[in-house]
C-alpha atoms as a PDB file:
ATOM      1  CA  UNK A   1    -184.916  68.239   3.941  1.00  0.00           C
ATOM      2  CA  UNK A   2    -183.093  71.411   2.916  1.00  0.00           C
ATOM      3  CA  UNK A   3    -186.297  73.454   3.082  1.00  0.00           C
ATOM      4  CA  UNK A   4    -186.748  72.551   6.762  1.00  0.00           C
ATOM      5  CA  UNK A   5    -183.269  73.876   7.593  1.00  0.00           C
ATOM      6  CA  UNK A   6    -183.396  76.933   5.352  1.00  0.00           C
ATOM      7  CA  UNK A   7    -186.620  78.871   5.750  1.00  0.00           C
ATOM      8  CA  UNK A   8    -186.339  80.767   2.467  1.00  0.00           C
ATOM      9  CA  UNK A   9    -187.707  78.537  -0.284  1.00  0.00           C
ATOM     10  CA  UNK A  10    -185.881  80.621  -2.879  1.00  0.00           C
ATOM     11  CA  UNK A  11    -182.553  80.301  -1.063  1.00  0.00           C
ATOM     12  CA  UNK A  12    -183.002  76.529  -0.758  1.00  0.00           C
ATOM     13  CA  UNK A  13    -183.770  76.252  -4.479  1.00  0.00           C
ATOM     14  CA  UNK A  14    -180.719  78.357  -5.349  1.00  0.00           C
ATOM     15  CA  UNK A  15    -178.471  76.164  -3.199  1.00  0.00           C
ATOM     16  CA  UNK A  16    -179.811  73.028  -4.886  1.00  0.00           C
ATOM     17  CA  UNK A  17    -179.419  74.578  -8.323  1.00  0.00           C
ATOM     18  CA  UNK A  18    -175.819  75.653  -7.873  1.00  0.00           C
ATOM     19  CA  UNK A  19    -174.436  73.068  -5.464  1.00  0.00           C
ATOM     20  CA  UNK A  20    -175.814  69.914  -7.044  1.00  0.00           C
ATOM     21  CA  UNK A  21    -173.862  70.513 -10.240  1.00  0.00           C
ATOM     22  CA  UNK A  22    -170.935  72.927  -9.819  1.00  0.00           C
ATOM     23  CA  UNK A  23    -170.802  73.469 -13.580  1.00  0.00           C
ATOM     24  CA  UNK A  24    -174.210  75.169 -13.520  1.00  0.00           C
ATOM     25  CA  UNK A  25    -174.389  78.902 -14.088  1.00  0.00           C
ATOM     26  CA  UNK A  26    -177.447  81.123 -14.356  1.00  0.00           C
ATOM     27  CA  UNK A  27    -178.560  84.718 -14.458  1.00  0.00           C
ATOM     28  CA  UNK A  28    -181.215  86.589 -12.467  1.00  0.00           C
ATOM     29  CA  UNK A  29    -184.089  86.700 -14.968  1.00  0.00           C
ATOM     30  CA  UNK A  30    -183.583  83.068 -15.992  1.00  0.00           C
ATOM     31  CA  UNK A  31    -183.709  81.979 -12.343  1.00  0.00           C
ATOM     32  CA  UNK A  32    -186.813  84.063 -11.655  1.00  0.00           C
ATOM     33  CA  UNK A  33    -188.559  82.471 -14.662  1.00  0.00           C
ATOM     34  CA  UNK A  34    -187.431  78.968 -13.681  1.00  0.00           C
ATOM     35  CA  UNK A  35    -188.617  79.367 -10.077  1.00  0.00           C
ATOM     36  CA  UNK A  36    -191.762  81.315 -10.990  1.00  0.00           C
ATOM     37  CA  UNK A  37    -190.784  84.096  -8.594  1.00  0.00           C
ATOM     38  CA  UNK A  38    -190.142  87.817  -8.805  1.00  0.00           C
ATOM     39  CA  UNK A  39    -186.719  89.022  -9.873  1.00  0.00           C
ATOM     40  CA  UNK A  40    -186.515  91.082  -6.685  1.00  0.00           C
ATOM     41  CA  UNK A  41    -186.983  88.044  -4.427  1.00  0.00           C
ATOM     42  CA  UNK A  42    -184.388  86.050  -6.332  1.00  0.00           C
ATOM     43  CA  UNK A  43    -181.981  89.025  -6.392  1.00  0.00           C
ATOM     44  CA  UNK A  44    -182.140  89.371  -2.598  1.00  0.00           C
ATOM     45  CA  UNK A  45    -181.180  85.713  -2.123  1.00  0.00           C
ATOM     46  CA  UNK A  46    -178.470  85.818  -4.786  1.00  0.00           C
ATOM     47  CA  UNK A  47    -176.962  88.848  -3.020  1.00  0.00           C
ATOM     48  CA  UNK A  48    -177.063  87.077   0.369  1.00  0.00           C
ATOM     49  CA  UNK A  49    -175.376  83.965  -0.995  1.00  0.00           C
ATOM     50  CA  UNK A  50    -172.806  86.076  -2.847  1.00  0.00           C
ATOM     51  CA  UNK A  51    -172.033  88.145   0.257  1.00  0.00           C
ATOM     52  CA  UNK A  52    -171.514  84.906   2.194  1.00  0.00           C
ATOM     53  CA  UNK A  53    -169.011  83.856  -0.472  1.00  0.00           C
ATOM     54  CA  UNK A  54    -171.049  80.788  -1.501  1.00  0.00           C
ATOM     55  CA  UNK A  55    -171.716  82.129  -5.009  1.00  0.00           C
ATOM     56  CA  UNK A  56    -169.444  83.970  -7.372  1.00  0.00           C
ATOM     57  CA  UNK A  57    -170.526  86.081 -10.280  1.00  0.00           C
ATOM     58  CA  UNK A  58    -169.131  87.452 -13.508  1.00  0.00           C
ATOM     59  CA  UNK A  59    -170.419  89.954 -16.025  1.00  0.00           C
ATOM     60  CA  UNK A  60    -171.250  88.793 -19.538  1.00  0.00           C
ATOM     61  CA  UNK A  61    -172.172  91.965 -21.343  1.00  0.00           C
ATOM     62  CA  UNK A  62    -174.972  93.546 -19.337  1.00  0.00           C
ATOM     63  CA  UNK A  63    -175.868  90.280 -17.618  1.00  0.00           C
ATOM     64  CA  UNK A  64    -174.469  89.047 -14.324  1.00  0.00           C
ATOM     65  CA  UNK A  65    -173.970  85.269 -14.299  1.00  0.00           C
ATOM     66  CA  UNK A  66    -173.841  83.337 -11.002  1.00  0.00           C
ATOM     67  CA  UNK A  67    -172.251  79.980 -10.135  1.00  0.00           C
ATOM     68  CA  UNK A  68    -171.186  78.074  -7.038  1.00  0.00           C
ATOM     69  CA  UNK A  69    -167.904  79.105  -5.457  1.00  0.00           C
ATOM     70  CA  UNK A  70    -166.163  75.729  -5.509  1.00  0.00           C
ATOM     71  CA  UNK A  71    -163.260  77.163  -3.509  1.00  0.00           C
ATOM     72  CA  UNK A  72    -165.466  78.013  -0.516  1.00  0.00           C
ATOM     73  CA  UNK A  73    -164.664  75.784   2.510  1.00  0.00           C
ATOM     74  CA  UNK A  74    -168.320  74.732   2.788  1.00  0.00           C
ATOM     75  CA  UNK A  75    -168.649  73.746  -0.869  1.00  0.00           C
ATOM     76  CA  UNK A  76    -168.028  69.983  -0.373  1.00  0.00           C
ATOM     77  CA  UNK A  77    -170.583  69.818   2.440  1.00  0.00           C
ATOM     78  CA  UNK A  78    -173.212  71.829   0.569  1.00  0.00           C
ATOM     79  CA  UNK A  79    -172.692  69.622  -2.469  1.00  0.00           C
ATOM     80  CA  UNK A  80    -173.298  66.496  -0.348  1.00  0.00           C
ATOM     81  CA  UNK A  81    -176.388  68.058   1.262  1.00  0.00           C
ATOM     82  CA  UNK A  82    -177.818  68.910  -2.172  1.00  0.00           C
ATOM     83  CA  UNK A  83    -177.269  65.339  -3.362  1.00  0.00           C
ATOM     84  CA  UNK A  84    -178.855  63.929  -0.201  1.00  0.00           C
ATOM     85  CA  UNK A  85    -181.810  66.283  -0.476  1.00  0.00           C
ATOM     86  CA  UNK A  86    -182.589  65.003  -3.965  1.00  0.00           C
ATOM     87  CA  UNK A  87    -181.839  61.376  -3.077  1.00  0.00           C
ATOM     88  CA  UNK A  88    -178.961  61.056  -5.512  1.00  0.00           C
ATOM     89  CA  UNK A  89    -176.710  59.728  -2.760  1.00  0.00           C
ATOM     90  CA  UNK A  90    -179.098  56.788  -2.319  1.00  0.00           C
ATOM     91  CA  UNK A  91    -179.181  56.158  -6.063  1.00  0.00           C
ATOM     92  CA  UNK A  92    -175.397  55.842  -6.029  1.00  0.00           C
ATOM     93  CA  UNK A  93    -175.271  53.761  -2.871  1.00  0.00           C
ATOM     94  CA  UNK A  94    -178.180  51.427  -3.547  1.00  0.00           C
ATOM     95  CA  UNK A  95    -178.280  51.058  -7.318  1.00  0.00           C
ATOM     96  CA  UNK A  96    -174.857  51.681  -8.823  1.00  0.00           C
ATOM     97  CA  UNK A  97    -172.786  49.852  -6.232  1.00  0.00           C
ATOM     98  CA  UNK A  98    -175.069  46.792  -6.317  1.00  0.00           C
ATOM     99  CA  UNK A  99    -175.064  46.430 -10.089  1.00  0.00           C
ATOM    100  CA  UNK A 100    -171.396  45.508  -9.946  1.00  0.00           C
ATOM    101  CA  UNK A 101    -170.170  46.190 -13.480  1.00  0.00           C
ATOM    102  CA  UNK A 102    -170.879  49.917 -13.812  1.00  0.00           C
ATOM    103  CA  UNK A 103    -168.043  51.855 -15.405  1.00  0.00           C
ATOM    104  CA  UNK A 104    -169.686  55.292 -15.460  1.00  0.00           C
ATOM    105  CA  UNK A 105    -172.881  56.714 -14.007  1.00  0.00           C
ATOM    106  CA  UNK A 106    -174.250  60.188 -14.428  1.00  0.00           C
ATOM    107  CA  UNK A 107    -177.409  62.223 -14.198  1.00  0.00           C
ATOM    108  CA  UNK A 108    -178.709  64.256 -17.135  1.00  0.00           C
ATOM    109  CA  UNK A 109    -181.744  66.435 -17.676  1.00  0.00           C
ATOM    110  CA  UNK A 110    -183.355  68.590 -14.989  1.00  0.00           C
ATOM    111  CA  UNK A 111    -181.386  67.243 -12.024  1.00  0.00           C
ATOM    112  CA  UNK A 112    -178.072  67.869 -13.769  1.00  0.00           C
ATOM    113  CA  UNK A 113    -179.239  71.479 -14.081  1.00  0.00           C
ATOM    114  CA  UNK A 114    -180.207  71.650 -10.400  1.00  0.00           C
ATOM    115  CA  UNK A 115    -183.966  71.473 -10.988  1.00  0.00           C
ATOM    116  CA  UNK A 116    -185.963  69.138  -8.739  1.00  0.00           C
ATOM    117  CA  UNK A 117    -188.554  67.940 -11.261  1.00  0.00           C
ATOM    118  CA  UNK A 118    -189.275  64.585  -9.638  1.00  0.00           C
ATOM    119  CA  UNK A 119    -187.692  62.602 -12.490  1.00  0.00           C
ATOM    120  CA  UNK A 120    -184.043  61.552 -12.272  1.00  0.00           C
ATOM    121  CA  UNK A 121    -182.517  60.697 -15.657  1.00  0.00           C
ATOM    122  CA  UNK A 122    -179.750  58.229 -14.827  1.00  0.00           C
ATOM    123  CA  UNK A 123    -177.270  57.027 -17.468  1.00  0.00           C
ATOM    124  CA  UNK A 124    -175.234  53.908 -16.676  1.00  0.00           C
ATOM    125  CA  UNK A 125    -172.351  52.645 -18.801  1.00  0.00           C
ATOM    126  CA  UNK A 126    -171.191  49.039 -18.561  1.00  0.00           C
ATOM    127  CA  UNK A 127    -172.560  45.537 -18.777  1.00  0.00           C
ATOM    128  CA  UNK A 128    -175.784  45.876 -16.775  1.00  0.00           C
ATOM    129  CA  UNK A 129    -178.743  43.553 -16.320  1.00  0.00           C
ATOM    130  CA  UNK A 130    -181.812  45.673 -17.212  1.00  0.00           C
ATOM    131  CA  UNK A 131    -184.247  43.579 -15.146  1.00  0.00           C
ATOM    132  CA  UNK A 132    -182.075  43.859 -12.028  1.00  0.00           C
ATOM    133  CA  UNK A 133    -181.642  47.598 -12.568  1.00  0.00           C
ATOM    134  CA  UNK A 134    -185.416  48.051 -12.868  1.00  0.00           C
ATOM    135  CA  UNK A 135    -185.926  46.052  -9.659  1.00  0.00           C
ATOM    136  CA  UNK A 136    -183.418  48.173  -7.691  1.00  0.00           C
ATOM    137  CA  UNK A 137    -184.686  51.447  -9.180  1.00  0.00           C
ATOM    138  CA  UNK A 138    -188.259  50.650  -8.113  1.00  0.00           C
ATOM    139  CA  UNK A 139    -187.111  50.167  -4.512  1.00  0.00           C
ATOM    140  CA  UNK A 140    -185.144  53.428  -4.498  1.00  0.00           C
ATOM    141  CA  UNK A 141    -188.037  55.363  -6.059  1.00  0.00           C
ATOM    142  CA  UNK A 142    -190.135  54.530  -3.010  1.00  0.00           C
ATOM    143  CA  UNK A 143    -187.400  55.723  -0.651  1.00  0.00           C
ATOM    144  CA  UNK A 144    -186.689  59.035  -2.378  1.00  0.00           C
ATOM    145  CA  UNK A 145    -190.191  59.815  -3.724  1.00  0.00           C
ATOM    146  CA  UNK A 146    -188.835  60.455  -7.207  1.00  0.00           C
ATOM    147  CA  UNK A 147    -188.989  58.525 -10.470  1.00  0.00           C
ATOM    148  CA  UNK A 148    -185.759  57.108 -11.910  1.00  0.00           C
ATOM    149  CA  UNK A 149    -185.511  56.769 -15.677  1.00  0.00           C
ATOM    150  CA  UNK A 150    -182.507  54.694 -16.663  1.00  0.00           C
ATOM    151  CA  UNK A 151    -180.556  54.654 -19.900  1.00  0.00           C
ATOM    152  CA  UNK A 152    -178.197  51.682 -19.927  1.00  0.00           C
ATOM    153  CA  UNK A 153    -175.340  51.883 -22.441  1.00  0.00           C
ATOM    154  CA  UNK A 154    -172.413  49.726 -23.452  1.00  0.00           C
ATOM    155  CA  UNK A 155    -168.996  51.399 -23.782  1.00  0.00           C
ATOM    156  CA  UNK A 156    -169.411  51.603 -27.546  1.00  0.00           C
ATOM    157  CA  UNK A 157    -172.864  53.195 -27.294  1.00  0.00           C
ATOM    158  CA  UNK A 158    -171.536  55.703 -24.774  1.00  0.00           C
ATOM    159  CA  UNK A 159    -168.667  56.698 -27.081  1.00  0.00           C
ATOM    160  CA  UNK A 160    -171.173  57.459 -29.855  1.00  0.00           C
ATOM    161  CA  UNK A 161    -173.345  59.592 -27.526  1.00  0.00           C
ATOM    162  CA  UNK A 162    -170.615  61.140 -25.363  1.00  0.00           C
ATOM    163  CA  UNK A 163    -170.547  64.535 -27.100  1.00  0.00           C
ATOM    164  CA  UNK A 164    -174.315  64.869 -26.838  1.00  0.00           C
ATOM    165  CA  UNK A 165    -174.304  63.887 -23.170  1.00  0.00           C
ATOM    166  CA  UNK A 166    -171.594  66.446 -22.390  1.00  0.00           C
ATOM    167  CA  UNK A 167    -173.717  69.098 -24.073  1.00  0.00           C
ATOM    168  CA  UNK A 168    -176.604  68.085 -21.789  1.00  0.00           C
ATOM    169  CA  UNK A 169    -174.512  69.179 -18.763  1.00  0.00           C
ATOM    170  CA  UNK A 170    -174.353  65.621 -17.404  1.00  0.00           C
ATOM    171  CA  UNK A 171    -173.411  65.293 -13.727  1.00  0.00           C
ATOM    172  CA  UNK A 172    -170.898  62.483 -13.162  1.00  0.00           C
ATOM    173  CA  UNK A 173    -171.827  60.369 -10.117  1.00  0.00           C
ATOM    174  CA  UNK A 174    -169.560  57.379 -10.444  1.00  0.00           C
ATOM    175  CA  UNK A 175    -166.409  56.442 -12.280  1.00  0.00           C
ATOM    176  CA  UNK A 176    -165.635  52.758 -11.894  1.00  0.00           C
ATOM    177  CA  UNK A 177    -161.997  53.285 -12.873  1.00  0.00           C
ATOM    178  CA  UNK A 178    -161.153  54.892  -9.555  1.00  0.00           C
ATOM    179  CA  UNK A 179    -164.345  53.783  -7.737  1.00  0.00           C
ATOM    180  CA  UNK A 180    -165.120  57.238  -6.406  1.00  0.00           C
ATOM    181  CA  UNK A 181    -168.125  59.446  -6.666  1.00  0.00           C
ATOM    182  CA  UNK A 182    -167.302  62.506  -8.712  1.00  0.00           C
ATOM    183  CA  UNK A 183    -170.189  64.923  -8.264  1.00  0.00           C
ATOM    184  CA  UNK A 184    -169.001  67.073 -11.110  1.00  0.00           C
ATOM    185  CA  UNK A 185    -169.989  67.877 -14.622  1.00  0.00           C
ATOM    186  CA  UNK A 186    -168.773  65.591 -17.411  1.00  0.00           C
ATOM    187  CA  UNK A 187    -167.485  68.784 -18.998  1.00  0.00           C
ATOM    188  CA  UNK A 188    -165.285  69.521 -15.968  1.00  0.00           C
ATOM    189  CA  UNK A 189    -163.708  66.177 -14.952  1.00  0.00           C
END
């Protein structure tokens, strides 16, 4: 979807990387390696997005680190577009809301880092029927052309794993306490 609107494949990948999870930061060489592209091509797109005010950067030693400018007026819309492009909006709408007793839901792994690998690692916390989850996930997988791998945890199990999940840069999708989608890192609630 995003690639049809934005003709530069590199620019589209950068937007997905930074706007799916606002807590994500990266540097030029790491992005070039991740995308399998030249540093020059990635640098050109980073400069364009920075000049437009969509990305901000900071120096860490001799390395320039980039991240999404969450204060930019278009940030909320770009975040929603990134989620829709990857199908995460449908995961929230179709799976989480229908399961009923979900207290927390978040994405970990590649998607939390803004990498479209084709496998969405979804963690759900609450009292959830595994068979019903599997049934709903199979339907959504067909719609979004991506595999969903679910980890279903009770509150107690989540408390034991919470530190590890935060370290994995988990992207919070749903918090049942206020029934809103968060779209932010567990580290930055």
